[in-house]
Amino acid sequence: MSVPDSVSVEVSVHDTRVPGGARRLKADLRKLGAHVAGRARRPLELSFAVINDARMQAVNRDTLGHDYPTDVLSFPMAEEPVLMGEILLSADTARREAAERGHPAYDELLLYAVHGVLHLLGYDDHDPAARRRMRRAERAALAALGVPPVFGGRRSNE
């Protein structure tokens, strides 16, 4: 599978510590960008921002009318000829959820990045069949990054 010529991944960190470290995350998000561009067979430009729950809640409230923090928000900017999007990741939520699920917060944060990119590609998780398709794609993308499945075998999340 060839990777399109143009793959741009920008990562910024705001108001929080990055589980696993910002340098490692930036490298893995660039790998994710190359993986996604190859699978989608088109160039892409992705911008990731790692933020805290307070900032995530403000963005969620201001853009979607949901007054609570969430794990990831994706904002498509363009689909053709280049897939462009901005993805916000909550480091606070990743730490909390990872502690509850019993795996590294870094892996949880990568799951959010993958999940956000998949939304940009048109994946959805609102009904059981679509959620299963998305979980399969998440596992494949995480595996490409050397990360085990974050959801494991829990049937409720597959």
N, C-alpha and C. Protein backbone atom coordinates (compact mmCIF):
# COMPACT_ATOMS: atom_id res chain seq x y z
N MET A 1 0.86 -1.16 0.00
CA MET A 1 0.00 0.00 0.00
C MET A 1 0.91 1.23 0.00
N SER A 2 0.75 2.07 -0.98
CA SER A 2 1.61 3.24 -1.07
C SER A 2 1.00 4.40 -0.29
N VAL A 3 1.88 5.23 0.25
CA VAL A 3 1.45 6.39 1.00
C VAL A 3 1.44 7.58 0.04
N PRO A 4 0.36 8.35 0.02
CA PRO A 4 0.32 9.53 -0.84
C PRO A 4 1.48 10.47 -0.52
N ASP A 5 1.83 11.28 -1.51
CA ASP A 5 2.98 12.18 -1.37
C ASP A 5 2.83 13.18 -0.24
N SER A 6 1.63 13.61 0.04
CA SER A 6 1.44 14.69 1.00
C SER A 6 0.79 14.18 2.28
N VAL A 7 1.57 14.12 3.35
CA VAL A 7 1.05 13.77 4.66
C VAL A 7 1.60 14.81 5.64
N SER A 8 0.72 15.59 6.22
CA SER A 8 1.12 16.60 7.17
C SER A 8 0.38 16.36 8.48
N VAL A 9 1.14 16.24 9.56
CA VAL A 9 0.55 16.04 10.89
C VAL A 9 1.18 17.05 11.84
N GLU A 10 0.34 17.90 12.39
CA GLU A 10 0.78 18.88 13.38
C GLU A 10 0.22 18.48 14.74
N VAL A 11 1.02 18.65 15.78
CA VAL A 11 0.58 18.32 17.13
C VAL A 11 0.92 19.48 18.05
N SER A 12 -0.07 19.92 18.81
CA SER A 12 0.18 20.95 19.82
C SER A 12 -0.37 20.48 21.15
N VAL A 13 0.25 20.96 22.20
CA VAL A 13 -0.13 20.57 23.56
C VAL A 13 -0.50 21.84 24.32
N HIS A 14 -1.70 21.82 24.93
CA HIS A 14 -2.20 22.99 25.66
C HIS A 14 -2.62 22.61 27.08
N ASP A 15 -2.11 23.31 28.05
CA ASP A 15 -2.62 23.24 29.43
C ASP A 15 -2.63 21.85 30.05
N THR A 16 -1.74 20.98 29.65
CA THR A 16 -1.78 19.64 30.23
C THR A 16 -0.46 18.92 30.00
N ARG A 17 -0.23 17.87 30.77
CA ARG A 17 0.88 16.97 30.54
C ARG A 17 0.38 15.85 29.63
N VAL A 18 1.21 15.41 28.73
CA VAL A 18 0.84 14.34 27.80
C VAL A 18 1.28 13.01 28.40
N PRO A 19 0.33 12.09 28.63
CA PRO A 19 0.73 10.76 29.08
C PRO A 19 1.71 10.15 28.08
N GLY A 20 2.84 9.65 28.57
CA GLY A 20 3.82 9.03 27.68
C GLY A 20 4.78 10.01 27.04
N GLY A 21 4.50 11.30 27.17
CA GLY A 21 5.40 12.32 26.64
C GLY A 21 4.99 12.85 25.28
N ALA A 22 5.16 14.15 25.10
CA ALA A 22 4.76 14.82 23.86
C ALA A 22 5.59 14.36 22.67
N ARG A 23 6.87 14.15 22.84
CA ARG A 23 7.73 13.74 21.73
C ARG A 23 7.30 12.38 21.18
N ARG A 24 7.05 11.45 22.08
CA ARG A 24 6.60 10.11 21.66
C ARG A 24 5.25 10.21 20.95
N LEU A 25 4.33 11.01 21.51
CA LEU A 25 3.01 11.14 20.91
C LEU A 25 3.11 11.74 19.51
N LYS A 26 3.92 12.77 19.35
CA LYS A 26 4.07 13.39 18.04
C LYS A 26 4.57 12.38 17.01
N ALA A 27 5.55 11.58 17.40
CA ALA A 27 6.08 10.56 16.47
C ALA A 27 4.99 9.55 16.10
N ASP A 28 4.24 9.10 17.10
CA ASP A 28 3.20 8.11 16.81
C ASP A 28 2.05 8.69 15.99
N LEU A 29 1.73 9.96 16.21
CA LEU A 29 0.66 10.57 15.42
C LEU A 29 1.10 10.77 13.97
N ARG A 30 2.38 11.00 13.75
CA ARG A 30 2.87 11.06 12.37
C ARG A 30 2.77 9.69 11.71
N LYS A 31 3.10 8.63 12.47
CA LYS A 31 2.93 7.26 11.94
C LYS A 31 1.47 6.99 11.63
N LEU A 32 0.60 7.43 12.52
CA LEU A 32 -0.84 7.26 12.29
C LEU A 32 -1.25 7.97 11.01
N GLY A 33 -0.77 9.19 10.81
CA GLY A 33 -1.08 9.93 9.59
C GLY A 33 -0.66 9.18 8.35
N ALA A 34 0.54 8.63 8.35
CA ALA A 34 1.03 7.86 7.20
C ALA A 34 0.18 6.61 6.98
N HIS A 35 -0.18 5.94 8.07
CA HIS A 35 -1.02 4.74 7.97
C HIS A 35 -2.37 5.09 7.36
N VAL A 36 -2.99 6.13 7.86
CA VAL A 36 -4.31 6.53 7.39
C VAL A 36 -4.26 6.99 5.93
N ALA A 37 -3.25 7.77 5.60
CA ALA A 37 -3.12 8.25 4.22
C ALA A 37 -2.97 7.07 3.26
N GLY A 38 -2.21 6.08 3.66
CA GLY A 38 -2.03 4.90 2.83
C GLY A 38 -3.31 4.11 2.66
N ARG A 39 -4.05 3.94 3.76
CA ARG A 39 -5.32 3.20 3.70
C ARG A 39 -6.37 3.96 2.89
N ALA A 40 -6.39 5.29 3.06
CA ALA A 40 -7.39 6.10 2.37
C ALA A 40 -6.96 6.42 0.94
N ARG A 41 -5.68 6.17 0.64
CA ARG A 41 -5.12 6.44 -0.69
C ARG A 41 -5.32 7.88 -1.13
N ARG A 42 -5.07 8.79 -0.19
CA ARG A 42 -5.14 10.21 -0.54
C ARG A 42 -4.31 11.00 0.45
N PRO A 43 -3.88 12.17 0.05
CA PRO A 43 -3.09 13.01 0.96
C PRO A 43 -3.94 13.53 2.11
N LEU A 44 -3.28 13.87 3.19
CA LEU A 44 -4.02 14.40 4.33
C LEU A 44 -3.21 15.43 5.09
N GLU A 45 -3.95 16.26 5.78
CA GLU A 45 -3.38 17.24 6.70
C GLU A 45 -4.19 17.17 7.98
N LEU A 46 -3.54 16.74 9.05
CA LEU A 46 -4.20 16.59 10.33
C LEU A 46 -3.54 17.49 11.36
N SER A 47 -4.36 18.07 12.20
CA SER A 47 -3.88 18.87 13.31
C SER A 47 -4.46 18.28 14.58
N PHE A 48 -3.60 17.87 15.49
CA PHE A 48 -4.03 17.33 16.78
C PHE A 48 -3.69 18.33 17.87
N ALA A 49 -4.59 18.51 18.82
CA ALA A 49 -4.32 19.33 19.99
C ALA A 49 -4.66 18.51 21.23
N VAL A 50 -3.70 18.40 22.13
CA VAL A 50 -3.91 17.71 23.39
C VAL A 50 -4.27 18.78 24.41
N ILE A 51 -5.44 18.63 25.02
CA ILE A 51 -5.95 19.65 25.93
C ILE A 51 -6.44 19.00 27.22
N ASN A 52 -6.82 19.83 28.18
CA ASN A 52 -7.35 19.31 29.44
C ASN A 52 -8.88 19.28 29.38
N ASP A 53 -9.49 18.72 30.40
CA ASP A 53 -10.95 18.60 30.42
C ASP A 53 -11.67 19.95 30.42
N ALA A 54 -11.11 20.94 31.11
CA ALA A 54 -11.77 22.25 31.15
C ALA A 54 -11.88 22.86 29.76
N ARG A 55 -10.79 22.78 29.01
CA ARG A 55 -10.81 23.32 27.65
C ARG A 55 -11.71 22.48 26.75
N MET A 56 -11.66 21.15 26.92
CA MET A 56 -12.50 20.26 26.11
C MET A 56 -13.97 20.57 26.37
N GLN A 57 -14.34 20.78 27.62
CA GLN A 57 -15.73 21.09 27.95
C GLN A 57 -16.15 22.40 27.28
N ALA A 58 -15.29 23.39 27.31
CA ALA A 58 -15.62 24.68 26.69
C ALA A 58 -15.84 24.53 25.18
N VAL A 59 -14.97 23.78 24.52
CA VAL A 59 -15.12 23.58 23.07
C VAL A 59 -16.37 22.77 22.78
N ASN A 60 -16.60 21.72 23.55
CA ASN A 60 -17.78 20.88 23.35
C ASN A 60 -19.05 21.70 23.53
N ARG A 61 -19.06 22.55 24.54
CA ARG A 61 -20.22 23.41 24.80
C ARG A 61 -20.41 24.43 23.67
N ASP A 62 -19.32 25.07 23.28
CA ASP A 62 -19.41 26.15 22.30
C ASP A 62 -19.71 25.66 20.88
N THR A 63 -19.25 24.47 20.54
CA THR A 63 -19.45 23.98 19.17
C THR A 63 -20.64 23.03 19.02
N LEU A 64 -20.88 22.21 20.04
CA LEU A 64 -21.93 21.19 19.92
C LEU A 64 -23.08 21.38 20.91
N GLY A 65 -22.95 22.33 21.84
CA GLY A 65 -23.99 22.55 22.82
C GLY A 65 -24.03 21.52 23.93
N HIS A 66 -22.94 20.74 24.09
CA HIS A 66 -22.85 19.73 25.15
C HIS A 66 -21.95 20.28 26.25
N ASP A 67 -22.50 20.56 27.41
CA ASP A 67 -21.74 21.21 28.48
C ASP A 67 -21.08 20.18 29.40
N TYR A 68 -20.18 19.41 28.83
CA TYR A 68 -19.40 18.44 29.58
C TYR A 68 -18.14 18.11 28.77
N PRO A 69 -17.08 17.66 29.46
CA PRO A 69 -15.88 17.25 28.71
C PRO A 69 -16.13 15.92 28.01
N THR A 70 -15.38 15.67 26.98
CA THR A 70 -15.46 14.40 26.26
C THR A 70 -14.05 13.96 25.92
N ASP A 71 -13.89 12.78 25.39
CA ASP A 71 -12.56 12.24 25.11
C ASP A 71 -11.92 12.82 23.86
N VAL A 72 -12.70 12.95 22.78
CA VAL A 72 -12.14 13.40 21.51
C VAL A 72 -13.21 14.13 20.71
N LEU A 73 -12.80 15.17 20.03
CA LEU A 73 -13.67 15.89 19.10
C LEU A 73 -12.93 16.00 17.77
N SER A 74 -13.64 15.74 16.68
CA SER A 74 -13.07 15.84 15.34
C SER A 74 -13.80 16.92 14.56
N PHE A 75 -13.04 17.71 13.86
CA PHE A 75 -13.61 18.77 13.05
C PHE A 75 -13.08 18.65 11.62
N PRO A 76 -13.93 18.16 10.71
CA PRO A 76 -13.47 18.08 9.32
C PRO A 76 -13.33 19.48 8.73
N MET A 77 -12.28 19.68 7.94
CA MET A 77 -12.04 20.97 7.31
C MET A 77 -12.23 20.87 5.80
N ALA A 78 -11.85 19.72 5.22
CA ALA A 78 -12.00 19.48 3.79
C ALA A 78 -11.86 17.98 3.55
N GLU A 79 -12.48 17.50 2.50
CA GLU A 79 -12.36 16.08 2.15
C GLU A 79 -11.60 15.87 0.85
N GLU A 80 -11.74 16.76 -0.10
CA GLU A 80 -11.10 16.61 -1.40
C GLU A 80 -10.40 17.90 -1.79
N PRO A 81 -9.30 17.87 -2.44
CA PRO A 81 -8.52 16.69 -2.81
C PRO A 81 -7.71 16.15 -1.64
N VAL A 82 -7.60 16.95 -0.57
CA VAL A 82 -6.84 16.56 0.61
C VAL A 82 -7.80 16.42 1.79
N LEU A 83 -7.69 15.31 2.51
CA LEU A 83 -8.46 15.15 3.74
C LEU A 83 -7.81 16.02 4.80
N MET A 84 -8.56 16.98 5.30
CA MET A 84 -8.04 17.89 6.32
C MET A 84 -8.96 17.87 7.53
N GLY A 85 -8.36 17.89 8.71
CA GLY A 85 -9.18 17.94 9.90
C GLY A 85 -8.38 18.29 11.13
N GLU A 86 -9.13 18.74 12.14
CA GLU A 86 -8.55 19.05 13.43
C GLU A 86 -9.16 18.11 14.45
N ILE A 87 -8.31 17.57 15.32
CA ILE A 87 -8.76 16.60 16.31
C ILE A 87 -8.26 17.04 17.68
N LEU A 88 -9.19 17.17 18.63
CA LEU A 88 -8.86 17.54 20.00
C LEU A 88 -8.90 16.29 20.86
N LEU A 89 -7.87 16.11 21.68
CA LEU A 89 -7.74 14.93 22.55
C LEU A 89 -7.66 15.39 24.00
N SER A 90 -8.43 14.78 24.88
CA SER A 90 -8.38 15.14 26.29
C SER A 90 -7.42 14.22 27.05
N ALA A 91 -6.32 14.79 27.52
CA ALA A 91 -5.35 14.03 28.31
C ALA A 91 -5.95 13.64 29.66
N ASP A 92 -6.75 14.53 30.26
CA ASP A 92 -7.37 14.22 31.55
C ASP A 92 -8.30 13.01 31.44
N THR A 93 -9.13 13.01 30.42
CA THR A 93 -10.06 11.88 30.23
C THR A 93 -9.28 10.61 29.95
N ALA A 94 -8.21 10.70 29.17
CA ALA A 94 -7.40 9.51 28.87
C ALA A 94 -6.83 8.91 30.15
N ARG A 95 -6.32 9.76 31.05
CA ARG A 95 -5.79 9.23 32.32
C ARG A 95 -6.88 8.54 33.14
N ARG A 96 -8.04 9.17 33.23
CA ARG A 96 -9.15 8.62 34.02
C ARG A 96 -9.64 7.29 33.44
N GLU A 97 -9.92 7.28 32.14
CA GLU A 97 -10.44 6.07 31.50
C GLU A 97 -9.44 4.92 31.52
N ALA A 98 -8.17 5.24 31.31
CA ALA A 98 -7.14 4.21 31.32
C ALA A 98 -7.03 3.58 32.70
N ALA A 99 -7.10 4.39 33.74
CA ALA A 99 -7.04 3.85 35.10
C ALA A 99 -8.21 2.91 35.35
N GLU A 100 -9.38 3.28 34.85
CA GLU A 100 -10.56 2.44 35.03
C GLU A 100 -10.47 1.15 34.23
N ARG A 101 -9.89 1.22 33.04
CA ARG A 101 -9.80 0.05 32.16
C ARG A 101 -8.56 -0.79 32.41
N GLY A 102 -7.58 -0.24 33.13
CA GLY A 102 -6.39 -1.00 33.48
C GLY A 102 -5.34 -1.08 32.39
N HIS A 103 -5.14 -0.02 31.63
CA HIS A 103 -4.07 0.02 30.63
C HIS A 103 -3.42 1.40 30.66
N PRO A 104 -2.33 1.58 29.94
CA PRO A 104 -1.63 2.87 29.98
C PRO A 104 -2.46 4.02 29.41
N ALA A 105 -2.35 5.17 30.05
CA ALA A 105 -3.05 6.37 29.58
C ALA A 105 -2.58 6.75 28.18
N TYR A 106 -1.33 6.46 27.87
CA TYR A 106 -0.81 6.75 26.53
C TYR A 106 -1.60 5.97 25.47
N ASP A 107 -1.86 4.70 25.72
CA ASP A 107 -2.62 3.88 24.78
C ASP A 107 -4.04 4.43 24.61
N GLU A 108 -4.62 4.88 25.69
CA GLU A 108 -5.97 5.46 25.64
C GLU A 108 -5.96 6.73 24.79
N LEU A 109 -4.94 7.57 24.96
CA LEU A 109 -4.84 8.80 24.18
C LEU A 109 -4.68 8.49 22.69
N LEU A 110 -3.88 7.47 22.37
CA LEU A 110 -3.75 7.05 20.97
C LEU A 110 -5.08 6.54 20.42
N LEU A 111 -5.83 5.82 21.24
CA LEU A 111 -7.16 5.38 20.81
C LEU A 111 -8.01 6.58 20.42
N TYR A 112 -7.98 7.64 21.21
CA TYR A 112 -8.76 8.84 20.90
C TYR A 112 -8.32 9.43 19.56
N ALA A 113 -7.01 9.46 19.32
CA ALA A 113 -6.51 9.99 18.06
C ALA A 113 -7.02 9.15 16.89
N VAL A 114 -6.92 7.84 17.02
CA VAL A 114 -7.40 6.94 15.97
C VAL A 114 -8.90 7.13 15.76
N HIS A 115 -9.63 7.16 16.84
CA HIS A 115 -11.09 7.32 16.78
C HIS A 115 -11.46 8.62 16.06
N GLY A 116 -10.77 9.69 16.40
CA GLY A 116 -11.05 10.98 15.77
C GLY A 116 -10.75 10.96 14.28
N VAL A 117 -9.65 10.35 13.89
CA VAL A 117 -9.30 10.26 12.47
C VAL A 117 -10.34 9.41 11.73
N LEU A 118 -10.77 8.33 12.34
CA LEU A 118 -11.77 7.48 11.69
C LEU A 118 -13.08 8.24 11.47
N HIS A 119 -13.45 9.09 12.40
CA HIS A 119 -14.63 9.92 12.18
C HIS A 119 -14.44 10.81 10.94
N LEU A 120 -13.24 11.35 10.78
CA LEU A 120 -12.96 12.18 9.60
C LEU A 120 -13.09 11.37 8.31
N LEU A 121 -12.80 10.08 8.41
CA LEU A 121 -12.89 9.19 7.24
C LEU A 121 -14.31 8.68 6.99
N GLY A 122 -15.25 9.09 7.85
CA GLY A 122 -16.64 8.70 7.64
C GLY A 122 -17.13 7.56 8.51
N TYR A 123 -16.28 7.05 9.39
CA TYR A 123 -16.73 6.00 10.31
C TYR A 123 -17.66 6.62 11.35
N ASP A 124 -18.56 5.79 11.85
CA ASP A 124 -19.52 6.23 12.84
C ASP A 124 -19.62 5.14 13.90
N ASP A 125 -20.11 5.48 15.07
CA ASP A 125 -20.24 4.47 16.13
C ASP A 125 -21.56 4.60 16.88
N HIS A 126 -22.59 5.06 16.17
CA HIS A 126 -23.88 5.28 16.82
C HIS A 126 -24.81 4.09 16.82
N ASP A 127 -24.57 3.11 15.97
CA ASP A 127 -25.38 1.90 16.03
C ASP A 127 -24.43 0.70 16.12
N PRO A 128 -24.94 -0.45 16.57
CA PRO A 128 -24.06 -1.59 16.84
C PRO A 128 -23.20 -2.04 15.65
N ALA A 129 -23.76 -2.11 14.46
CA ALA A 129 -22.99 -2.57 13.30
C ALA A 129 -21.89 -1.58 12.96
N ALA A 130 -22.20 -0.30 12.98
CA ALA A 130 -21.20 0.73 12.68
C ALA A 130 -20.12 0.74 13.77
N ARG A 131 -20.52 0.54 15.02
CA ARG A 131 -19.56 0.51 16.12
C ARG A 131 -18.59 -0.66 15.97
N ARG A 132 -19.10 -1.82 15.56
CA ARG A 132 -18.22 -2.98 15.34
C ARG A 132 -17.21 -2.69 14.23
N ARG A 133 -17.68 -2.07 13.16
CA ARG A 133 -16.80 -1.72 12.04
C ARG A 133 -15.73 -0.73 12.52
N MET A 134 -16.13 0.24 13.32
CA MET A 134 -15.17 1.22 13.82
C MET A 134 -14.17 0.56 14.76
N ARG A 135 -14.63 -0.32 15.63
CA ARG A 135 -13.71 -1.00 16.57
C ARG A 135 -12.68 -1.82 15.80
N ARG A 136 -13.10 -2.49 14.73
CA ARG A 136 -12.14 -3.26 13.91
C ARG A 136 -11.09 -2.32 13.32
N ALA A 137 -11.53 -1.20 12.79
CA ALA A 137 -10.60 -0.23 12.21
C ALA A 137 -9.68 0.36 13.28
N GLU A 138 -10.21 0.60 14.48
CA GLU A 138 -9.38 1.09 15.58
C GLU A 138 -8.29 0.08 15.92
N ARG A 139 -8.68 -1.19 16.05
CA ARG A 139 -7.69 -2.22 16.38
C ARG A 139 -6.60 -2.30 15.32
N ALA A 140 -6.99 -2.21 14.04
CA ALA A 140 -6.00 -2.28 12.96
C ALA A 140 -5.04 -1.09 13.02
N ALA A 141 -5.56 0.10 13.24
CA ALA A 141 -4.70 1.28 13.30
C ALA A 141 -3.79 1.23 14.53
N LEU A 142 -4.33 0.82 15.67
CA LEU A 142 -3.50 0.71 16.87
C LEU A 142 -2.41 -0.34 16.67
N ALA A 143 -2.76 -1.46 16.04
CA ALA A 143 -1.77 -2.50 15.77
C ALA A 143 -0.64 -1.96 14.88
N ALA A 144 -0.99 -1.13 13.90
CA ALA A 144 0.03 -0.52 13.04
C ALA A 144 0.98 0.35 13.84
N LEU A 145 0.52 0.85 14.98
CA LEU A 145 1.36 1.67 15.87
C LEU A 145 2.02 0.83 16.96
N GLY A 146 1.76 -0.48 16.96
CA GLY A 146 2.34 -1.36 17.97
C GLY A 146 1.63 -1.32 19.31
N VAL A 147 0.36 -0.91 19.30
CA VAL A 147 -0.43 -0.81 20.53
C VAL A 147 -1.48 -1.91 20.53
N PRO A 148 -1.60 -2.65 21.64
CA PRO A 148 -2.62 -3.69 21.70
C PRO A 148 -4.02 -3.08 21.72
N PRO A 149 -5.03 -3.89 21.42
CA PRO A 149 -6.41 -3.38 21.47
C PRO A 149 -6.72 -2.79 22.84
N VAL A 150 -7.24 -1.59 22.86
CA VAL A 150 -7.53 -0.91 24.11
C VAL A 150 -8.81 -1.46 24.73
N PHE A 151 -9.78 -1.84 23.90
CA PHE A 151 -11.02 -2.34 24.43
C PHE A 151 -10.96 -3.82 24.79
N GLY A 152 -9.93 -4.51 24.39
CA GLY A 152 -9.81 -5.93 24.70
C GLY A 152 -11.01 -6.69 24.20
N GLY A 153 -11.49 -7.61 24.99
CA GLY A 153 -12.61 -8.44 24.58
C GLY A 153 -13.94 -8.02 25.15
N ARG A 154 -14.01 -6.81 25.70
CA ARG A 154 -15.28 -6.38 26.31
C ARG A 154 -16.35 -6.24 25.23
N ARG A 155 -17.38 -7.07 25.32
CA ARG A 155 -18.40 -7.12 24.30
C ARG A 155 -19.20 -5.81 24.19
N SER A 156 -19.36 -5.10 25.28
CA SER A 156 -20.18 -3.89 25.25
C SER A 156 -19.56 -2.79 24.40
N ASN A 157 -18.26 -2.86 24.17
CA ASN A 157 -17.60 -1.82 23.40
C ASN A 157 -17.18 -2.25 22.02
N GLU A 158 -17.47 -3.47 21.63
CA GLU A 158 -17.03 -3.93 20.32
C GLU A 158 -18.00 -3.56 19.24
